[in-house]
C-alpha atoms as a PDB file:
ATOM      1  CA  MET A   1     -47.476  90.333 -30.021  1.00  0.00           C
ATOM      2  CA  ASN A   2     -48.034  89.518 -26.338  1.00  0.00           C
ATOM      3  CA  ARG A   3     -45.705  92.331 -25.254  1.00  0.00           C
ATOM      4  CA  TYR A   4     -47.516  94.714 -27.606  1.00  0.00           C
ATOM      5  CA  LYS A   5     -50.909  93.763 -26.149  1.00  0.00           C
ATOM      6  CA  LEU A   6     -49.589  94.079 -22.602  1.00  0.00           C
ATOM      7  CA  SER A   7     -48.058  97.514 -23.223  1.00  0.00           C
ATOM      8  CA  ILE A   8     -51.205  98.868 -24.890  1.00  0.00           C
ATOM      9  CA  SER A   9     -53.418  97.425 -22.154  1.00  0.00           C
ATOM     10  CA  VAL A  10     -51.333  98.801 -19.286  1.00  0.00           C
ATOM     11  CA  PHE A  11     -51.276 102.223 -20.956  1.00  0.00           C
ATOM     12  CA  ILE A  12     -55.082 102.221 -21.301  1.00  0.00           C
ATOM     13  CA  ALA A  13     -55.558 101.041 -17.702  1.00  0.00           C
ATOM     14  CA  ILE A  14     -53.251 103.739 -16.313  1.00  0.00           C
ATOM     15  CA  LEU A  15     -54.842 106.406 -18.533  1.00  0.00           C
ATOM     16  CA  PHE A  16     -58.375 105.561 -17.415  1.00  0.00           C
ATOM     17  CA  HIS A  17     -57.570 105.305 -13.712  1.00  0.00           C
ATOM     18  CA  VAL A  18     -55.351 108.402 -13.539  1.00  0.00           C
ATOM     19  CA  SER A  19     -57.955 110.385 -15.489  1.00  0.00           C
ATOM     20  CA  GLY A  20     -60.615 109.136 -13.107  1.00  0.00           C
ATOM     21  CA  LEU A  21     -58.602 110.172 -10.065  1.00  0.00           C
ATOM     22  CA  ILE A  22     -57.937 113.638 -11.439  1.00  0.00           C
ATOM     23  CA  GLY A  23     -61.562 114.052 -12.452  1.00  0.00           C
ATOM     24  CA  MET A  24     -62.961 112.905  -9.114  1.00  0.00           C
ATOM     25  CA  LEU A  25     -60.503 114.694  -6.841  1.00  0.00           C
ATOM     26  CA  PHE A  26     -59.549 117.895  -8.626  1.00  0.00           C
ATOM     27  CA  THR A  27     -62.338 118.938 -11.017  1.00  0.00           C
ATOM     28  CA  GLU A  28     -65.977 120.004 -10.853  1.00  0.00           C
ATOM     29  CA  HIS A  29     -67.011 116.986 -12.947  1.00  0.00           C
ATOM     30  CA  LYS A  30     -66.761 114.327 -10.243  1.00  0.00           C
ATOM     31  CA  GLU A  31     -70.269 112.996 -10.934  1.00  0.00           C
ATOM     32  CA  TRP A  32     -69.535 112.531 -14.646  1.00  0.00           C
ATOM     33  CA  PHE A  33     -66.484 110.404 -13.877  1.00  0.00           C
ATOM     34  CA  ILE A  34     -68.405 108.374 -11.293  1.00  0.00           C
ATOM     35  CA  THR A  35     -71.272 107.663 -13.699  1.00  0.00           C
ATOM     36  CA  ASN A  36     -68.753 106.339 -16.235  1.00  0.00           C
ATOM     37  CA  THR A  37     -67.410 103.744 -13.786  1.00  0.00           C
ATOM     38  CA  PRO A  38     -69.272 100.908 -15.580  1.00  0.00           C
ATOM     39  CA  LEU A  39     -67.454 101.753 -18.821  1.00  0.00           C
ATOM     40  CA  ASN A  40     -64.103 101.643 -17.027  1.00  0.00           C
ATOM     41  CA  LEU A  41     -64.849  98.274 -15.389  1.00  0.00           C
ATOM     42  CA  LEU A  42     -66.084  96.772 -18.643  1.00  0.00           C
ATOM     43  CA  ILE A  43     -63.006  97.914 -20.576  1.00  0.00           C
ATOM     44  CA  MET A  44     -60.669  96.485 -17.921  1.00  0.00           C
ATOM     45  CA  PHE A  45     -62.535  93.169 -18.099  1.00  0.00           C
ATOM     46  CA  LEU A  46     -62.201  93.069 -21.899  1.00  0.00           C
ATOM     47  CA  LEU A  47     -58.498  93.930 -21.699  1.00  0.00           C
ATOM     48  CA  LEU A  48     -58.038  91.091 -19.215  1.00  0.00           C
ATOM     49  CA  LEU A  49     -59.673  88.669 -21.643  1.00  0.00           C
ATOM     50  CA  TRP A  50     -57.630  90.059 -24.544  1.00  0.00           C
ATOM     51  CA  ASN A  51     -54.399  89.390 -22.649  1.00  0.00           C
ATOM     52  CA  GLN A  52     -55.316  85.856 -21.644  1.00  0.00           C
ATOM     53  CA  PRO A  53     -52.708  83.506 -23.165  1.00  0.00           C
ATOM     54  CA  LYS A  54     -54.239  80.600 -25.090  1.00  0.00           C
ATOM     55  CA  PRO A  55     -57.810  80.848 -23.761  1.00  0.00           C
ATOM     56  CA  ASN A  56     -59.552  77.478 -23.740  1.00  0.00           C
ATOM     57  CA  LYS A  57     -62.801  75.932 -22.492  1.00  0.00           C
ATOM     58  CA  PHE A  58     -61.443  75.666 -18.933  1.00  0.00           C
ATOM     59  CA  PHE A  59     -60.674  79.386 -18.848  1.00  0.00           C
ATOM     60  CA  ILE A  60     -64.181  80.152 -20.093  1.00  0.00           C
ATOM     61  CA  LEU A  61     -65.532  77.801 -17.429  1.00  0.00           C
ATOM     62  CA  PHE A  62     -63.679  79.729 -14.731  1.00  0.00           C
ATOM     63  CA  VAL A  63     -64.940  83.074 -16.046  1.00  0.00           C
ATOM     64  CA  LEU A  64     -68.508  81.773 -15.916  1.00  0.00           C
ATOM     65  CA  ALA A  65     -68.028  80.129 -12.510  1.00  0.00           C
ATOM     66  CA  ALA A  66     -66.637  83.330 -10.967  1.00  0.00           C
ATOM     67  CA  PHE A  67     -69.328  85.482 -12.581  1.00  0.00           C
ATOM     68  CA  LEU A  68     -72.233  83.231 -11.562  1.00  0.00           C
ATOM     69  CA  THR A  69     -70.857  82.681  -8.064  1.00  0.00           C
ATOM     70  CA  GLY A  70     -70.405  86.408  -7.593  1.00  0.00           C
ATOM     71  CA  MET A  71     -73.892  87.222  -8.839  1.00  0.00           C
ATOM     72  CA  GLY A  72     -75.523  84.391  -6.888  1.00  0.00           C
ATOM     73  CA  THR A  73     -73.878  85.129  -3.553  1.00  0.00           C
ATOM     74  CA  GLU A  74     -74.471  88.863  -3.914  1.00  0.00           C
ATOM     75  CA  MET A  75     -78.171  88.262  -4.640  1.00  0.00           C
ATOM     76  CA  ILE A  76     -78.400  86.221  -1.455  1.00  0.00           C
ATOM     77  CA  GLY A  77     -76.550  88.953   0.405  1.00  0.00           C
ATOM     78  CA  VAL A  78     -78.626  91.865  -0.871  1.00  0.00           C
ATOM     79  CA  ASN A  79     -81.998  90.167  -0.518  1.00  0.00           C
ATOM     80  CA  THR A  80     -81.523  88.249   2.739  1.00  0.00           C
ATOM     81  CA  GLY A  81     -78.529  89.697   4.577  1.00  0.00           C
ATOM     82  CA  LYS A  82     -77.290  86.145   5.202  1.00  0.00           C
ATOM     83  CA  LEU A  83     -74.084  86.741   3.238  1.00  0.00           C
ATOM     84  CA  PHE A  84     -71.775  89.754   3.651  1.00  0.00           C
ATOM     85  CA  GLY A  85     -74.220  91.655   5.863  1.00  0.00           C
ATOM     86  CA  CYS A  86     -77.038  94.137   5.263  1.00  0.00           C
ATOM     87  CA  TYR A  87     -76.307  96.368   2.288  1.00  0.00           C
ATOM     88  CA  SER A  88     -77.789  97.621  -0.969  1.00  0.00           C
ATOM     89  CA  TYR A  89     -76.467  98.750  -4.334  1.00  0.00           C
ATOM     90  CA  GLY A  90     -76.938 102.196  -5.813  1.00  0.00           C
ATOM     91  CA  SER A  91     -77.502 103.024  -9.473  1.00  0.00           C
ATOM     92  CA  VAL A  92     -73.866 103.901 -10.267  1.00  0.00           C
ATOM     93  CA  LEU A  93     -72.852 100.435 -11.466  1.00  0.00           C
ATOM     94  CA  GLY A  94     -75.591 100.147 -14.056  1.00  0.00           C
ATOM     95  CA  PRO A  95     -78.420  97.655 -14.699  1.00  0.00           C
ATOM     96  CA  HIS A  96     -79.386  95.287 -11.884  1.00  0.00           C
ATOM     97  CA  LEU A  97     -80.681  91.737 -11.610  1.00  0.00           C
ATOM     98  CA  ASN A  98     -82.530  91.053  -8.345  1.00  0.00           C
ATOM     99  CA  GLY A  99     -80.839  94.048  -6.756  1.00  0.00           C
ATOM    100  CA  VAL A 100     -77.293  93.244  -7.969  1.00  0.00           C
ATOM    101  CA  PRO A 101     -75.559  95.067 -10.864  1.00  0.00           C
ATOM    102  CA  TRP A 102     -74.390  92.740 -13.643  1.00  0.00           C
ATOM    103  CA  LEU A 103     -70.959  94.346 -13.352  1.00  0.00           C
ATOM    104  CA  ILE A 104     -70.551  92.929  -9.850  1.00  0.00           C
ATOM    105  CA  GLY A 105     -70.317  89.423 -11.298  1.00  0.00           C
ATOM    106  CA  ILE A 106     -67.627  90.663 -13.669  1.00  0.00           C
ATOM    107  CA  ASN A 107     -65.849  92.370 -10.774  1.00  0.00           C
ATOM    108  CA  TRP A 108     -65.786  89.099  -8.833  1.00  0.00           C
ATOM    109  CA  PHE A 109     -64.026  87.437 -11.740  1.00  0.00           C
ATOM    110  CA  VAL A 110     -61.519  90.272 -12.164  1.00  0.00           C
ATOM    111  CA  MET A 111     -60.609  90.384  -8.464  1.00  0.00           C
ATOM    112  CA  VAL A 112     -60.361  86.650  -7.806  1.00  0.00           C
ATOM    113  CA  TYR A 113     -58.652  85.893 -11.109  1.00  0.00           C
ATOM    114  CA  SER A 114     -56.080  88.661 -10.644  1.00  0.00           C
ATOM    115  CA  SER A 115     -55.305  87.455  -7.121  1.00  0.00           C
ATOM    116  CA  GLY A 116     -54.969  83.913  -8.415  1.00  0.00           C
ATOM    117  CA  VAL A 117     -52.601  84.945 -11.198  1.00  0.00           C
ATOM    118  CA  ILE A 118     -50.407  86.896  -8.770  1.00  0.00           C
ATOM    119  CA  MET A 119     -50.172  83.918  -6.422  1.00  0.00           C
ATOM    120  CA  HIS A 120     -49.567  81.508  -9.314  1.00  0.00           C
ATOM    121  CA  LEU A 121     -46.675  83.564 -10.697  1.00  0.00           C
ATOM    122  CA  LEU A 122     -45.211  84.021  -7.216  1.00  0.00           C
ATOM    123  CA  HIS A 123     -45.382  80.303  -6.515  1.00  0.00           C
ATOM    124  CA  GLU A 124     -43.808  79.485  -9.878  1.00  0.00           C
ATOM    125  CA  TRP A 125     -40.888  81.761  -8.996  1.00  0.00           C
ATOM    126  CA  ILE A 126     -40.527  80.198  -5.542  1.00  0.00           C
ATOM    127  CA  ARG A 127     -40.767  76.665  -6.945  1.00  0.00           C
ATOM    128  CA  ASN A 128     -38.052  77.399  -9.498  1.00  0.00           C
ATOM    129  CA  LYS A 129     -35.775  78.719  -6.739  1.00  0.00           C
ATOM    130  CA  TYR A 130     -36.347  75.577  -4.693  1.00  0.00           C
ATOM    131  CA  GLU A 131     -35.677  73.319  -7.675  1.00  0.00           C
ATOM    132  CA  GLU A 132     -32.453  75.182  -8.459  1.00  0.00           C
ATOM    133  CA  SER A 133     -31.290  74.319  -4.948  1.00  0.00           C
ATOM    134  CA  GLY A 134     -32.301  70.679  -5.364  1.00  0.00           C
ATOM    135  CA  ALA A 135     -35.372  70.873  -3.130  1.00  0.00           C
ATOM    136  CA  HIS A 136     -39.014  70.370  -4.075  1.00  0.00           C
ATOM    137  CA  LEU A 137     -42.329  71.781  -2.892  1.00  0.00           C
ATOM    138  CA  SER A 138     -45.277  69.427  -2.537  1.00  0.00           C
ATOM    139  CA  GLN A 139     -48.308  70.054  -4.735  1.00  0.00           C
ATOM    140  CA  LYS A 140     -50.573  70.033  -1.677  1.00  0.00           C
ATOM    141  CA  LEU A 141     -48.531  72.792  -0.065  1.00  0.00           C
ATOM    142  CA  ILE A 142     -48.602  74.853  -3.258  1.00  0.00           C
ATOM    143  CA  THR A 143     -52.377  74.427  -3.550  1.00  0.00           C
ATOM    144  CA  PHE A 144     -52.976  75.314   0.110  1.00  0.00           C
ATOM    145  CA  SER A 145     -50.748  78.369  -0.123  1.00  0.00           C
ATOM    146  CA  LEU A 146     -52.272  79.613  -3.385  1.00  0.00           C
ATOM    147  CA  VAL A 147     -55.825  79.291  -2.065  1.00  0.00           C
ATOM    148  CA  LEU A 148     -55.077  80.790   1.363  1.00  0.00           C
ATOM    149  CA  ASP A 149     -52.797  83.607   0.208  1.00  0.00           C
ATOM    150  CA  GLY A 150     -54.949  84.383  -2.825  1.00  0.00           C
ATOM    151  CA  ALA A 151     -58.072  84.637  -0.665  1.00  0.00           C
ATOM    152  CA  LEU A 152     -56.262  86.911   1.801  1.00  0.00           C
ATOM    153  CA  LEU A 153     -55.092  89.091  -1.083  1.00  0.00           C
ATOM    154  CA  THR A 154     -58.650  89.336  -2.409  1.00  0.00           C
ATOM    155  CA  VAL A 155     -59.947  90.295   1.037  1.00  0.00           C
ATOM    156  CA  PHE A 156     -57.195  92.898   1.379  1.00  0.00           C
ATOM    157  CA  PHE A 157     -58.266  94.435  -1.936  1.00  0.00           C
ATOM    158  CA  ASP A 158     -61.896  94.497  -0.770  1.00  0.00           C
ATOM    159  CA  TRP A 159     -60.835  96.110   2.530  1.00  0.00           C
ATOM    160  CA  VAL A 160     -59.016  98.864   0.644  1.00  0.00           C
ATOM    161  CA  MET A 161     -61.897  99.330  -1.814  1.00  0.00           C
ATOM    162  CA  GLU A 162     -64.875  99.342   0.585  1.00  0.00           C
ATOM    163  CA  PRO A 163     -64.707 102.889   2.060  1.00  0.00           C
ATOM    164  CA  ALA A 164     -64.015 104.461  -1.339  1.00  0.00           C
ATOM    165  CA  ALA A 165     -66.796 102.450  -3.006  1.00  0.00           C
ATOM    166  CA  VAL A 166     -69.264 103.608  -0.358  1.00  0.00           C
ATOM    167  CA  GLN A 167     -68.178 107.223  -0.830  1.00  0.00           C
ATOM    168  CA  LEU A 168     -68.689 106.891  -4.591  1.00  0.00           C
ATOM    169  CA  GLY A 169     -72.189 105.495  -4.113  1.00  0.00           C
ATOM    170  CA  PHE A 170     -71.507 102.006  -5.470  1.00  0.00           C
ATOM    171  CA  TRP A 171     -73.279 100.495  -2.448  1.00  0.00           C
ATOM    172  CA  GLN A 172     -74.327 101.384   1.100  1.00  0.00           C
ATOM    173  CA  TRP A 173     -74.179  99.454   4.385  1.00  0.00           C
ATOM    174  CA  GLU A 174     -77.029  99.443   6.856  1.00  0.00           C
ATOM    175  CA  GLY A 175     -75.961 101.595   9.791  1.00  0.00           C
ATOM    176  CA  GLY A 176     -72.953 102.868   7.843  1.00  0.00           C
ATOM    177  CA  GLU A 177     -70.574 100.261   9.297  1.00  0.00           C
ATOM    178  CA  ILE A 178     -68.751  97.623   7.197  1.00  0.00           C
ATOM    179  CA  PRO A 179     -69.130  94.362   9.142  1.00  0.00           C
ATOM    180  CA  PHE A 180     -66.315  91.863   9.685  1.00  0.00           C
ATOM    181  CA  TYR A 181     -68.747  89.248   8.345  1.00  0.00           C
ATOM    182  CA  ASN A 182     -68.385  90.855   4.917  1.00  0.00           C
ATOM    183  CA  TYR A 183     -64.670  90.074   4.838  1.00  0.00           C
ATOM    184  CA  LEU A 184     -65.210  86.567   6.182  1.00  0.00           C
ATOM    185  CA  CYS A 185     -67.642  85.809   3.344  1.00  0.00           C
ATOM    186  CA  TRP A 186     -65.249  87.297   0.812  1.00  0.00           C
ATOM    187  CA  PHE A 187     -62.482  85.053   2.142  1.00  0.00           C
ATOM    188  CA  LEU A 188     -64.499  81.836   2.042  1.00  0.00           C
ATOM    189  CA  ILE A 189     -66.088  82.420  -1.365  1.00  0.00           C
ATOM    190  CA  SER A 190     -62.879  83.599  -3.020  1.00  0.00           C
ATOM    191  CA  ALA A 191     -61.015  80.623  -1.491  1.00  0.00           C
ATOM    192  CA  ALA A 192     -63.495  78.237  -3.126  1.00  0.00           C
ATOM    193  CA  LEU A 193     -63.063  79.977  -6.489  1.00  0.00           C
ATOM    194  CA  LEU A 194     -59.281  79.964  -6.139  1.00  0.00           C
ATOM    195  CA  TRP A 195     -59.342  76.224  -5.502  1.00  0.00           C
ATOM    196  CA  LEU A 196     -61.164  75.887  -8.826  1.00  0.00           C
ATOM    197  CA  PHE A 197     -58.643  78.288 -10.398  1.00  0.00           C
ATOM    198  CA  ARG A 198     -55.802  76.081  -9.191  1.00  0.00           C
ATOM    199  CA  TYR A 199     -57.141  72.857 -10.686  1.00  0.00           C
ATOM    200  CA  LEU A 200     -58.659  73.995 -13.980  1.00  0.00           C
ATOM    201  CA  ARG A 201     -56.173  73.508 -16.816  1.00  0.00           C
ATOM    202  CA  PHE A 202     -55.646  76.850 -18.496  1.00  0.00           C
ATOM    203  CA  GLU A 203     -52.691  79.188 -18.877  1.00  0.00           C
ATOM    204  CA  LYS A 204     -52.410  81.377 -15.780  1.00  0.00           C
ATOM    205  CA  ALA A 205     -49.486  83.661 -16.692  1.00  0.00           C
ATOM    206  CA  ASN A 206     -51.646  86.679 -17.558  1.00  0.00           C
ATOM    207  CA  HIS A 207     -49.271  89.510 -16.694  1.00  0.00           C
ATOM    208  CA  PHE A 208     -51.854  92.199 -17.367  1.00  0.00           C
ATOM    209  CA  ALA A 209     -53.831  90.820 -14.411  1.00  0.00           C
ATOM    210  CA  VAL A 210     -50.903  91.716 -12.137  1.00  0.00           C
ATOM    211  CA  HIS A 211     -50.667  95.249 -13.522  1.00  0.00           C
ATOM    212  CA  LEU A 212     -54.432  95.744 -13.316  1.00  0.00           C
ATOM    213  CA  PHE A 213     -54.558  94.569  -9.694  1.00  0.00           C
ATOM    214  CA  ILE A 214     -51.821  97.035  -8.694  1.00  0.00           C
ATOM    215  CA  ILE A 215     -53.366  99.902 -10.686  1.00  0.00           C
ATOM    216  CA  GLN A 216     -56.815  99.375  -9.171  1.00  0.00           C
ATOM    217  CA  LEU A 217     -55.402  98.905  -5.673  1.00  0.00           C
ATOM    218  CA  LEU A 218     -53.514 102.213  -5.905  1.00  0.00           C
ATOM    219  CA  PHE A 219     -56.620 103.877  -7.362  1.00  0.00           C
ATOM    220  CA  PHE A 220     -58.771 102.891  -4.382  1.00  0.00           C
ATOM    221  CA  LEU A 221     -55.991 103.610  -1.887  1.00  0.00           C
ATOM    222  CA  ILE A 222     -55.686 107.187  -3.141  1.00  0.00           C
ATOM    223  CA  LEU A 223     -59.465 107.653  -3.128  1.00  0.00           C
ATOM    224  CA  ARG A 224     -59.588 106.220   0.400  1.00  0.00           C
ATOM    225  CA  TRP A 225     -56.993 108.713   1.595  1.00  0.00           C
ATOM    226  CA  TYR A 226     -58.305 111.836  -0.118  1.00  0.00           C
ATOM    227  CA  SER A 227     -62.061 111.383  -0.495  1.00  0.00           C
END
């Protein structure tokens, strides 16, 4: 059943993102595809939840923590400029709360969770290799590496996404420049969420999260190159 869900989900994710790329880059209906971005993001979020192995109260807690943290920090950023920099959201991403689209909170969960899953699976593989050789990795080292590397991976995704997102009208930066401070805030906030991800007791081997991260990264890379 898990393989069936994964295969169906990956197929849907590839279909939506490839269709979006073709529509935005090679047809006269670019605006229609852009306006349907919220539907795409919502479907990917639901597929991520559908593929979560054995969801429990701790998983739900992390979803809520990531969503509320994302919404809260973005509200501070949009309304004060004290986080991320001076920017504002357009209408593309749907309904807003205090200047921030609800989907941004969902996007925070998807990005941080996917980065966390990738790092978790990578560390599990490394730990198994060490144990096969008779060595052991300390839990503190694993935690530090997961939080640091996961936060860097999240920031890398944001760096790839930013120019394309601006071109698509998701948000705009004052003066047109993306400040380094934006990436610093992303790193610190995602690191805090990844620390929570590390210690909350829920199953973290969600393989669809890995596929979705790669699919979305390639999507924004191609848009960045050709937009």
